[in-house]
Protein backbone atom coordinates (compact mmCIF):
# COMPACT_ATOMS: atom_id res chain seq x y z
CA UNK A 1 -11.23 -22.60 -6.02
CA UNK A 2 -10.13 -20.36 -3.13
CA UNK A 3 -8.39 -17.31 -4.54
CA UNK A 4 -7.56 -15.42 -1.33
CA UNK A 5 -5.36 -16.57 1.54
CA UNK A 6 -7.08 -17.57 4.77
CA UNK A 7 -3.95 -16.79 6.79
CA UNK A 8 -5.02 -13.33 7.96
CA UNK A 9 -7.60 -12.30 10.48
CA UNK A 10 -10.82 -11.04 8.96
CA UNK A 11 -11.81 -7.48 9.76
CA UNK A 12 -8.26 -6.22 10.28
CA UNK A 13 -7.23 -3.29 8.11
CA UNK A 14 -3.47 -2.80 7.67
CA UNK A 15 -1.73 0.35 8.87
CA UNK A 16 1.83 1.53 8.31
CA UNK A 17 4.30 3.33 10.55
CA UNK A 18 7.45 5.03 9.31
CA UNK A 19 9.91 5.61 12.15
CA UNK A 20 12.61 8.20 11.34
CA UNK A 21 15.43 7.73 13.82
CA UNK A 22 18.86 9.26 14.13
CA UNK A 23 20.55 6.12 12.83
CA UNK A 24 17.86 4.06 11.09
CA UNK A 25 14.62 4.69 9.26
CA UNK A 26 12.08 1.91 9.17
CA UNK A 27 8.74 1.06 7.60
CA UNK A 28 6.53 -1.43 9.43
CA UNK A 29 3.17 -2.49 8.01
CA UNK A 30 0.93 -4.07 10.66
CA UNK A 31 -2.01 -6.37 10.05
CA UNK A 32 -4.09 -3.88 12.00
CA UNK A 33 -4.32 -2.04 15.30
CA UNK A 34 -4.38 -4.79 17.93
CA UNK A 35 -3.26 -5.52 21.50
CA UNK A 36 -0.55 -7.80 20.17
CA UNK A 37 0.24 -6.35 16.72
CA UNK A 38 1.31 -8.63 13.89
CA UNK A 39 3.82 -7.41 11.31
CA UNK A 40 2.87 -7.86 7.65
CA UNK A 41 5.99 -6.21 6.26
CA UNK A 42 9.12 -4.71 7.78
CA UNK A 43 11.97 -2.88 6.06
CA UNK A 44 14.86 -0.93 7.58
CA UNK A 45 17.55 1.34 6.23
CA UNK A 46 20.56 2.50 8.25
CA UNK A 47 20.63 6.06 6.93
CA UNK A 48 22.72 7.65 9.70
CA UNK A 49 20.87 10.98 9.61
CA UNK A 50 22.36 12.03 12.94
CA UNK A 51 25.97 11.22 12.14
CA UNK A 52 28.13 14.30 12.69
CA UNK A 53 25.28 16.40 14.06
CA UNK A 54 27.30 17.47 17.13
CA UNK A 55 30.05 19.06 15.03
CA UNK A 56 27.92 20.39 12.15
CA UNK A 57 24.53 20.96 13.75
CA UNK A 58 22.95 19.55 10.61
CA UNK A 59 21.62 16.25 9.30
CA UNK A 60 24.15 14.40 7.14
CA UNK A 61 23.45 15.52 3.54
CA UNK A 62 24.16 12.13 1.94
CA UNK A 63 21.95 10.45 4.53
CA UNK A 64 19.16 12.91 3.71
CA UNK A 65 19.44 12.11 0.00
CA UNK A 66 19.34 8.36 0.64
CA UNK A 67 16.44 8.74 3.08
CA UNK A 68 14.32 10.60 0.51
CA UNK A 69 14.86 7.80 -1.99
CA UNK A 70 13.83 5.27 0.62
CA UNK A 71 10.75 7.29 1.58
CA UNK A 72 9.49 6.97 -2.00
CA UNK A 73 9.87 3.23 -1.72
CA UNK A 74 8.22 3.18 1.73
CA UNK A 75 5.18 5.04 0.41
CA UNK A 76 4.86 2.63 -2.51
CA UNK A 77 5.26 -0.40 -0.24
CA UNK A 78 2.64 0.93 2.17
CA UNK A 79 0.18 1.38 -0.68
CA UNK A 80 1.01 -2.04 -2.11
CA UNK A 81 0.30 -3.64 1.28
CA UNK A 82 -3.12 -2.00 1.35
CA UNK A 83 -2.45 0.15 4.42
CA UNK A 84 -5.43 2.36 5.18
CA UNK A 85 -3.29 4.82 7.16
CA UNK A 86 0.36 5.86 7.13
CA UNK A 87 1.70 7.29 10.39
CA UNK A 88 5.14 8.91 10.45
CA UNK A 89 7.12 9.74 13.57
CA UNK A 90 10.58 11.30 13.86
CA UNK A 91 12.89 11.51 16.86
CA UNK A 92 16.09 13.18 18.10
CA UNK A 93 18.05 14.05 14.95
CA UNK A 94 15.08 15.54 13.07
CA UNK A 95 13.98 17.68 16.03
CA UNK A 96 17.47 18.99 16.89
CA UNK A 97 19.19 19.58 13.54
CA UNK A 98 19.37 23.06 12.06
CA UNK A 99 18.07 21.71 8.76
CA UNK A 100 15.54 19.44 10.48
CA UNK A 101 12.47 21.51 9.48
CA UNK A 102 13.53 21.50 5.80
CA UNK A 103 14.10 17.76 5.95
CA UNK A 104 10.65 17.21 7.47
CA UNK A 105 8.95 19.32 4.79
CA UNK A 106 10.65 17.37 1.99
CA UNK A 107 9.86 14.04 3.65
CA UNK A 108 6.19 14.97 4.06
CA UNK A 109 5.96 15.73 0.34
CA UNK A 110 7.55 12.42 -0.60
CA UNK A 111 5.56 10.33 1.89
CA UNK A 112 2.30 12.18 1.35
CA UNK A 113 1.70 12.19 5.10
CA UNK A 114 2.14 14.51 8.06
CA UNK A 115 5.22 13.78 10.17
CA UNK A 116 4.96 13.97 13.93
CA UNK A 117 8.31 15.13 15.33
CA UNK A 118 8.36 13.84 18.89
CA UNK A 119 9.75 15.93 21.72
CA UNK A 120 12.16 14.23 24.10
CA UNK A 121 9.32 13.91 26.61
CA UNK A 122 7.02 12.34 24.02
CA UNK A 123 9.73 9.95 22.90
CA UNK A 124 10.21 8.78 26.48
CA UNK A 125 6.44 8.47 26.94
CA UNK A 126 5.90 6.30 23.87
CA UNK A 127 8.93 4.20 24.75
CA UNK A 128 7.40 3.60 28.19
CA UNK A 129 4.09 2.64 26.56
CA UNK A 130 5.96 0.17 24.37
CA UNK A 131 7.41 -1.52 27.45
CA UNK A 132 4.04 -1.45 29.24
CA UNK A 133 2.41 -3.08 26.23
CA UNK A 134 5.02 -5.86 26.04
CA UNK A 135 5.28 -7.01 29.65
CA UNK A 136 2.69 -8.42 32.07
CA UNK A 137 3.19 -6.35 34.11
CA UNK A 138 6.15 -3.99 33.60
CA UNK A 139 7.99 -2.77 36.70
CA UNK A 140 11.27 -0.95 36.42
CA UNK A 141 13.15 1.63 34.39
CA UNK A 142 12.82 1.64 30.61
CA UNK A 143 15.86 2.83 28.69
CA UNK A 144 15.50 3.53 24.97
CA UNK A 145 18.90 3.97 23.33
CA UNK A 146 18.73 5.42 19.83
CA UNK A 147 21.28 7.00 17.57
CA UNK A 148 20.76 10.49 18.99
CA UNK A 149 19.44 10.17 22.52
CA UNK A 150 18.74 7.97 25.52
CA UNK A 151 15.31 8.13 27.12
CA UNK A 152 14.97 6.87 30.70
CA UNK A 153 11.54 6.57 32.31
CA UNK A 154 9.98 4.77 35.26
CA UNK A 155 7.19 2.27 34.53
CA UNK A 156 5.12 0.41 37.10
CA UNK A 157 2.15 -1.58 35.81
CA UNK A 158 0.24 0.88 33.65
CA UNK A 159 1.66 3.91 35.48
CA UNK A 160 4.36 6.06 33.90
CA UNK A 161 6.58 7.98 36.29
CA UNK A 162 9.31 10.54 35.85
CA UNK A 163 11.74 10.43 32.97
CA UNK A 164 14.59 12.22 31.26
CA UNK A 165 16.12 12.50 27.78
CA UNK A 166 19.94 12.51 27.62
CA UNK A 167 22.26 13.16 24.63
CA UNK A 168 23.75 9.66 24.81
CA UNK A 169 22.63 8.02 21.56
CA UNK A 170 25.31 5.95 19.87
CA UNK A 171 26.00 8.28 16.94
CA UNK A 172 26.01 11.36 19.16
CA UNK A 173 28.28 9.72 21.74
CA UNK A 174 30.69 8.62 19.01
CA UNK A 175 30.76 12.21 17.74
CA UNK A 176 31.09 13.87 21.16
CA UNK A 177 33.90 11.53 22.25
CA UNK A 178 35.69 11.74 18.90
CA UNK A 179 35.78 7.94 18.88
CA UNK A 180 37.50 7.61 22.27
CA UNK A 181 36.03 4.92 24.55
CA UNK A 182 37.58 6.56 27.62
CA UNK A 183 36.14 9.97 26.74
CA UNK A 184 32.75 8.38 26.03
CA UNK A 185 32.69 6.74 29.47
CA UNK A 186 33.33 10.10 31.15
CA UNK A 187 30.55 11.76 29.15
CA UNK A 188 28.10 8.99 30.00
CA UNK A 189 28.93 9.12 33.71
CA UNK A 190 28.49 12.90 33.79
CA UNK A 191 25.14 12.79 31.97
CA UNK A 192 23.73 9.90 34.00
CA UNK A 193 24.47 11.82 37.20
CA UNK A 194 21.53 14.04 36.16
CA UNK A 195 19.19 11.05 35.79
CA UNK A 196 17.46 11.03 39.16
CA UNK A 197 14.98 8.53 37.74
CA UNK A 198 17.64 5.84 38.19
CA UNK A 199 17.60 6.39 41.95
CA UNK A 200 14.27 4.58 42.13
CA UNK A 201 15.49 1.58 40.16
CA UNK A 202 17.64 -0.27 42.67
CA UNK A 203 16.78 -3.97 42.68
CA UNK A 204 14.16 -3.52 39.97
CA UNK A 205 14.28 -4.34 36.25
CA UNK A 206 16.06 -2.29 33.63
CA UNK A 207 14.38 -2.70 30.23
CA UNK A 208 16.77 -2.32 27.28
CA UNK A 209 15.04 -0.81 24.23
CA UNK A 210 16.65 -0.03 20.88
CA UNK A 211 18.62 -1.73 18.11
CA UNK A 212 22.09 -1.29 19.62
CA UNK A 213 21.12 -3.03 22.85
CA UNK A 214 19.26 -5.76 20.97
CA UNK A 215 22.44 -6.48 19.02
CA UNK A 216 24.42 -6.54 22.25
CA UNK A 217 21.94 -9.05 23.60
CA UNK A 218 22.29 -11.14 20.42
CA UNK A 219 26.04 -11.38 21.02
CA UNK A 220 25.41 -12.20 24.68
CA UNK A 221 23.03 -15.01 23.69
CA UNK A 222 25.69 -16.53 21.46
CA UNK A 223 28.40 -16.18 24.11
CA UNK A 224 26.19 -18.07 26.60
CA UNK A 225 25.09 -20.71 24.13
CA UNK A 226 21.52 -19.71 24.93
CA UNK A 227 19.10 -22.18 23.27
CA UNK A 228 16.17 -19.85 22.52
CA UNK A 229 16.87 -17.08 20.01
CA UNK A 230 13.90 -14.90 20.91
CA UNK A 231 14.88 -11.33 21.72
CA UNK A 232 11.81 -10.09 23.58
CA UNK A 233 12.09 -10.73 27.32
CA UNK A 234 15.64 -12.09 26.99
CA UNK A 235 17.44 -11.60 30.30
CA UNK A 236 21.11 -10.65 30.28
CA UNK A 237 22.14 -12.22 33.58
CA UNK A 238 24.15 -9.84 35.73
CA UNK A 239 26.61 -12.56 36.67
CA UNK A 240 29.46 -12.17 34.19
CA UNK A 241 27.78 -9.35 32.29
CA UNK A 242 30.37 -6.73 33.29
CA UNK A 243 33.19 -8.73 31.71
CA UNK A 244 31.18 -9.15 28.52
CA UNK A 245 30.40 -5.41 28.33
CA UNK A 246 34.04 -4.50 28.96
CA UNK A 247 35.12 -6.71 26.07
CA UNK A 248 32.61 -5.04 23.74
CA UNK A 249 33.54 -1.57 25.00
CA UNK A 250 37.19 -2.24 24.15
CA UNK A 251 36.12 -2.74 20.54
CA UNK A 252 36.95 -6.44 20.47
CA UNK A 253 33.70 -7.47 18.81
CA UNK A 254 35.13 -8.65 15.47
CA UNK A 255 36.50 -11.80 17.09
CA UNK A 256 33.37 -12.51 19.12
CA UNK A 257 31.24 -15.51 18.26
CA UNK A 258 28.03 -14.45 16.53
CA UNK A 259 29.32 -11.10 15.25
CA UNK A 260 28.51 -12.18 11.67
CA UNK A 261 24.79 -11.93 12.58
CA UNK A 262 25.17 -8.18 13.14
CA UNK A 263 25.43 -5.81 10.18
CA UNK A 264 28.78 -4.08 9.79
CA UNK A 265 27.10 -0.68 9.88
CA UNK A 266 25.77 -1.50 13.37
CA UNK A 267 28.99 -2.83 14.86
CA UNK A 268 30.71 0.51 15.43
CA UNK A 269 27.97 1.54 17.87
CA UNK A 270 28.11 -1.60 20.01
CA UNK A 271 30.97 -0.24 22.13
CA UNK A 272 28.97 2.89 23.00
CA UNK A 273 25.91 0.83 23.85
CA UNK A 274 28.06 -1.30 26.14
CA UNK A 275 29.49 1.78 27.87
CA UNK A 276 26.05 3.27 28.49
CA UNK A 277 24.72 -0.01 29.89
CA UNK A 278 27.77 -0.43 32.13
CA UNK A 279 27.23 3.00 33.65
CA UNK A 280 23.49 2.46 34.08
CA UNK A 281 24.17 -0.77 35.98
CA UNK A 282 26.72 1.00 38.17
CA UNK A 283 24.37 3.92 38.89
CA UNK A 284 21.00 2.14 39.13
CA UNK A 285 22.04 -1.23 40.59
CA UNK A 286 19.16 -3.10 38.92
CA UNK A 287 18.06 -6.58 39.92
CA UNK A 288 17.61 -7.70 36.30
CA UNK A 289 18.47 -6.58 32.77
CA UNK A 290 15.73 -7.54 30.27
CA UNK A 291 15.49 -6.77 26.56
CA UNK A 292 12.30 -5.32 25.13
CA UNK A 293 11.64 -5.77 21.42
CA UNK A 294 8.94 -3.10 21.74
CA UNK A 295 9.70 0.60 21.90
CA UNK A 296 8.50 3.97 20.64
CA UNK A 297 6.80 2.62 17.52
CA UNK A 298 4.83 -0.05 19.40
CA UNK A 299 4.07 2.41 22.18
CA UNK A 300 2.58 4.77 19.62
CA UNK A 301 0.39 1.93 18.30
CA UNK A 302 -0.64 1.04 21.84
CA UNK A 303 -1.78 4.65 22.36
CA UNK A 304 -4.23 4.22 19.47
CA UNK A 305 -6.09 1.43 21.29
CA UNK A 306 -9.16 2.05 23.41
CA UNK A 307 -8.68 1.79 27.21
CA UNK A 308 -10.53 -1.53 27.14
CA UNK A 309 -8.27 -2.90 24.40
CA UNK A 310 -5.18 -1.75 26.29
CA UNK A 311 -6.23 -3.81 29.32
CA UNK A 312 -6.44 -7.05 27.30
CA UNK A 313 -3.81 -9.68 28.06
CA UNK A 314 -1.44 -9.63 25.03
CA UNK A 315 -0.41 -13.28 25.42
CA UNK A 316 -4.00 -14.51 25.50
CA UNK A 317 -5.00 -12.19 22.64
CA UNK A 318 -2.25 -13.46 20.35
CA UNK A 319 -2.84 -17.10 21.36
CA UNK A 320 -6.52 -16.81 20.52
CA UNK A 321 -5.71 -15.20 17.17
CA UNK A 322 -3.35 -18.06 16.32
CA UNK A 323 -6.06 -20.54 17.28
CA UNK A 324 -8.52 -18.78 14.98
CA UNK A 325 -6.00 -19.01 12.13
CA UNK A 326 -4.67 -22.55 12.66
CA UNK A 327 -6.84 -24.70 14.97
CA UNK A 328 -9.65 -26.98 13.83
CA UNK A 329 -12.02 -25.27 16.29
CA UNK A 330 -11.34 -22.21 18.44
CA UNK A 331 -14.51 -23.08 20.39
CA UNK A 332 -12.94 -26.42 21.30
CA UNK A 333 -9.82 -24.55 22.46
CA UNK A 334 -11.91 -22.39 24.82
CA UNK A 335 -13.68 -25.51 26.11
CA UNK A 336 -10.26 -26.97 26.87
CA UNK A 337 -9.35 -23.86 28.88
CA UNK A 338 -12.44 -24.25 31.06
CA UNK A 339 -12.14 -28.03 31.45
CA UNK A 340 -8.47 -27.99 32.51
CA UNK A 341 -9.34 -25.32 35.07
CA UNK A 342 -12.16 -27.48 36.46
CA UNK A 343 -9.88 -30.50 36.49
CA UNK A 344 -7.23 -28.61 38.46
CA UNK A 345 -9.92 -27.73 41.00
CA UNK A 346 -11.21 -31.33 41.16
CA UNK A 347 -7.66 -32.63 41.72
CA UNK A 348 -6.95 -29.97 44.37
CA UNK A 349 -4.03 -28.55 42.38
CA UNK A 350 -3.18 -24.91 42.96
CA UNK A 351 -1.74 -22.56 40.36
CA UNK A 352 -0.38 -19.04 40.43
CA UNK A 353 -1.88 -16.25 38.33
CA UNK A 354 0.97 -16.61 35.82
CA UNK A 355 0.58 -20.39 35.64
CA UNK A 356 -3.15 -19.95 34.98
CA UNK A 357 -2.36 -17.55 32.12
CA UNK A 358 0.14 -19.98 30.64
CA UNK A 359 -2.29 -22.91 30.95
CA UNK A 360 -4.93 -20.86 29.17
CA UNK A 361 -2.51 -19.94 26.37
CA UNK A 362 -1.40 -23.58 26.05
CA UNK A 363 -5.01 -24.71 25.65
CA UNK A 364 -5.72 -22.06 23.01
CA UNK A 365 -2.63 -23.21 21.09
CA UNK A 366 -3.14 -26.94 21.57
CA UNK A 367 -4.35 -27.68 18.05
CA UNK A 368 -2.30 -25.31 15.90
CA UNK A 369 -0.13 -28.15 14.52
CA UNK A 370 -2.94 -30.39 13.30
CA UNK A 371 -2.13 -29.97 9.60
CA UNK A 372 1.35 -31.43 10.08
CA UNK A 373 2.08 -35.14 9.69
CA UNK A 374 1.06 -36.87 12.95
CA UNK A 375 4.68 -37.79 13.72
CA UNK A 376 5.75 -34.14 13.62
CA UNK A 377 2.82 -32.29 15.16
CA UNK A 378 4.45 -32.06 18.57
CA UNK A 379 7.77 -30.76 17.29
CA UNK A 380 6.10 -28.33 14.90
CA UNK A 381 3.85 -26.97 17.65
CA UNK A 382 6.81 -26.61 19.99
CA UNK A 383 8.84 -24.73 17.36
CA UNK A 384 5.97 -22.41 16.45
CA UNK A 385 5.19 -21.56 20.07
CA UNK A 386 8.75 -21.22 21.33
CA UNK A 387 9.69 -18.88 18.46
CA UNK A 388 6.41 -17.00 17.98
CA UNK A 389 6.29 -13.22 18.31
CA UNK A 390 4.38 -13.43 21.59
CA UNK A 391 4.59 -10.64 24.15
CA UNK A 392 3.52 -10.64 27.78
CA UNK A 393 5.43 -13.87 28.48
CA UNK A 394 8.95 -14.54 29.74
CA UNK A 395 11.19 -17.25 28.32
CA UNK A 396 10.47 -19.91 30.99
CA UNK A 397 6.73 -19.31 30.44
CA UNK A 398 7.14 -19.57 26.68
CA UNK A 399 8.91 -22.93 27.14
CA UNK A 400 6.17 -24.11 29.53
CA UNK A 401 3.47 -23.43 26.91
CA UNK A 402 5.54 -25.08 24.17
CA UNK A 403 6.23 -28.18 26.28
CA UNK A 404 2.52 -28.64 27.04
CA UNK A 405 1.90 -28.98 23.34
CA UNK A 406 4.91 -31.23 22.78
CA UNK A 407 3.63 -33.60 25.49
CA UNK A 408 0.05 -33.35 24.22
CA UNK A 409 1.16 -34.77 20.84
CA UNK A 410 4.24 -36.86 21.61
CA UNK A 411 3.25 -38.34 24.97
CA UNK A 412 4.96 -37.80 28.30
CA UNK A 413 8.45 -38.25 26.94
CA UNK A 414 11.62 -38.35 29.04
CA UNK A 415 13.50 -35.11 29.58
CA UNK A 416 16.37 -36.45 27.51
CA UNK A 417 14.07 -36.63 24.50
CA UNK A 418 12.97 -33.00 24.83
CA UNK A 419 14.86 -30.17 23.10
CA UNK A 420 17.54 -27.98 24.64
CA UNK A 421 15.07 -25.26 25.60
CA UNK A 422 13.71 -27.47 28.41
CA UNK A 423 16.70 -26.21 30.42
CA UNK A 424 15.02 -22.78 30.58
CA UNK A 425 11.96 -24.11 32.43
CA UNK A 426 12.01 -24.70 36.21
CA UNK A 427 11.06 -28.20 37.42
CA UNK A 428 7.59 -27.04 38.49
CA UNK A 429 6.86 -25.84 34.95
CA UNK A 430 8.00 -29.15 33.45
CA UNK A 431 5.80 -31.06 35.89
CA UNK A 432 2.81 -28.82 35.08
CA UNK A 433 3.42 -29.12 31.35
CA UNK A 434 3.29 -32.93 31.62
CA UNK A 435 0.14 -32.74 33.73
CA UNK A 436 -1.74 -30.48 31.30
CA UNK A 437 -0.44 -32.47 28.33
CA UNK A 438 -1.80 -35.67 29.94
CA UNK A 439 -5.19 -33.99 30.49
CA UNK A 440 -5.33 -32.92 26.85
CA UNK A 441 -4.48 -36.44 25.70
CA UNK A 442 -7.61 -37.72 27.47
CA UNK A 443 -10.17 -35.28 26.12
CA UNK A 444 -8.89 -35.12 22.56
CA UNK A 445 -9.74 -38.82 22.20
CA UNK A 446 -13.24 -38.19 23.53
CA UNK A 447 -14.00 -35.03 21.54
CA UNK A 448 -12.33 -35.74 18.18
CA UNK A 449 -10.99 -32.18 18.45
CA UNK A 450 -14.49 -30.81 17.87
CA UNK A 451 -16.64 -28.77 20.28
CA UNK A 452 -19.63 -29.95 22.26
CA UNK A 453 -18.31 -32.89 24.28
CA UNK A 454 -15.84 -31.38 26.77
CA UNK A 455 -18.39 -29.17 28.62
CA UNK A 456 -20.50 -32.29 29.27
CA UNK A 457 -17.71 -34.14 31.08
CA UNK A 458 -17.52 -33.99 34.87
CA UNK A 459 -15.35 -35.31 37.68
CA UNK A 460 -17.05 -37.21 40.52
CA UNK A 461 -15.06 -37.58 43.72
CA UNK A 462 -15.58 -40.71 45.84
CA UNK A 463 -15.18 -41.30 49.56
CA UNK A 464 -11.98 -43.29 49.06
CA UNK A 465 -10.40 -40.27 47.33
CA UNK A 466 -10.63 -41.71 43.83
CA UNK A 467 -12.20 -39.74 40.99
CA UNK A 468 -14.29 -40.73 38.00
CA UNK A 469 -14.42 -38.84 34.74
CA UNK A 470 -18.07 -39.18 33.86
CA UNK A 471 -19.19 -39.20 30.22
CA UNK A 472 -22.94 -38.68 29.68
CA UNK A 473 -24.79 -41.92 28.98
CA UNK A 474 -25.82 -40.70 25.53
CA UNK A 475 -22.11 -40.30 24.64
CA UNK A 476 -20.89 -43.63 26.05
CA UNK A 477 -20.06 -44.88 22.55
CA UNK A 478 -17.01 -42.59 22.83
CA UNK A 479 -15.57 -44.81 25.57
CA UNK A 480 -13.05 -47.43 24.65
CA UNK A 481 -9.64 -48.95 25.13
CA UNK A 482 -7.56 -45.94 24.10
CA UNK A 483 -9.39 -43.35 26.27
CA UNK A 484 -9.07 -45.76 29.21
CA UNK A 485 -5.35 -45.97 28.57
CA UNK A 486 -5.03 -42.18 28.51
CA UNK A 487 -6.91 -41.89 31.82
CA UNK A 488 -4.53 -44.47 33.30
CA UNK A 489 -1.61 -42.35 32.07
CA UNK A 490 -3.12 -39.25 33.71
CA UNK A 491 -3.53 -41.27 36.94
CA UNK A 492 0.19 -42.10 36.91
CA UNK A 493 1.12 -38.45 36.42
CA UNK A 494 -1.11 -37.25 39.27
CA UNK A 495 -0.67 -40.18 41.64
CA UNK A 496 -4.45 -40.44 41.90
CA UNK A 497 -6.89 -43.27 41.29
CA UNK A 498 -8.91 -42.30 38.23
CA UNK A 499 -11.62 -44.03 36.22
CA UNK A 500 -13.47 -43.31 33.01
CA UNK A 501 -17.17 -44.16 33.26
CA UNK A 502 -20.54 -43.50 31.64
CA UNK A 503 -23.33 -42.17 33.78
């Protein structure tokens, strides 16, 4: 009898991170240090340490008491999860408050770990690393809005440019403006005038980092009727965004659809987040507004990786890990990657670098639904992929990969039979998804989902332009009516004359 779960990657040793922010404190236990980290356990408390800090200069005493109680729980949870290391980082409120050093000393005693109080520059740096780790590649201005401060920093590929920390966190802005939206807007405009980093952002992407902006994006998703509720890489389209932000800034959120999904303790800060984003758009004139689910905490984890690990493609890394955990054979998945690439070349089909990445991910994920009932494997695979915590992929790319695996199991179904998320994929992606799905449907019948056969298949091109998929003579018993039918289906998709032969 198997006594231990097989659902975790062997060799990974859990680590914990406690993130002490001005508004929230959070414990996250990760499966291990990896290019695309997987969360084992996640707990948050909205302590509000920075509330009132502008007027008092001190951390809120009740928030400090509640935080210490939660730290005891965080330490116990970290130990229970088997974390080999507990890292603790603290940001704006802890570094600026008069009683911040006393708070840190008490927290270190309770947590039994050293606390790293980040400077504003370090906070911006780790936030930038978080964005770099989550996008392939990142290019724009990252803005991390916390309870106490706003960090703005330029990111381009793996390069981090200039940045600035501004006192525009939601709690601080609420305090400085004495709850006045008009006063808050004036403060934001004055502070952003110092942010020269925004001058280099025109036409580029602005990356929204932080809980307040994620909650804004959640409301925006609901307002649009957006079919994919995945926060990372969600784009808040500029068309109509100003009207949405004005409505939030006026404090009219209680009547907005989807507000019940946002905790009441978070709602009061939405207006200030909307004001800051409005002014950033006005000052920077970005081409796109994209939400990043990764920030300081993930940037800190990314900094612990070796340079070689940092260069790994996060989408491919996480896809391979899921194949190891759920596919019948990860070797077969890699064979599928190579064979589809060779088939594209034989058919004379071009693909962009991004399309090649997505094809590779789709092949790695092609068998993750095999334990489901045959009638539901396609839908289950689509749901897992479309909602997985992947990074390094935008929403159209995520849908592309999911559709490949829907078509691979369900057949080349009509668009009307596909889910709502198909609307997020451009026509070229839908066409490619059908093509790759049709390819997979051929070789799965020849390989029985096990390795060893696919590398021995080859395409022979004939003078009349037709192609033959050649199965080695010693494997000709694998030929039959159903594989011939699948090759005929692939021929219809490609418009080519194809045959399946032994030779």
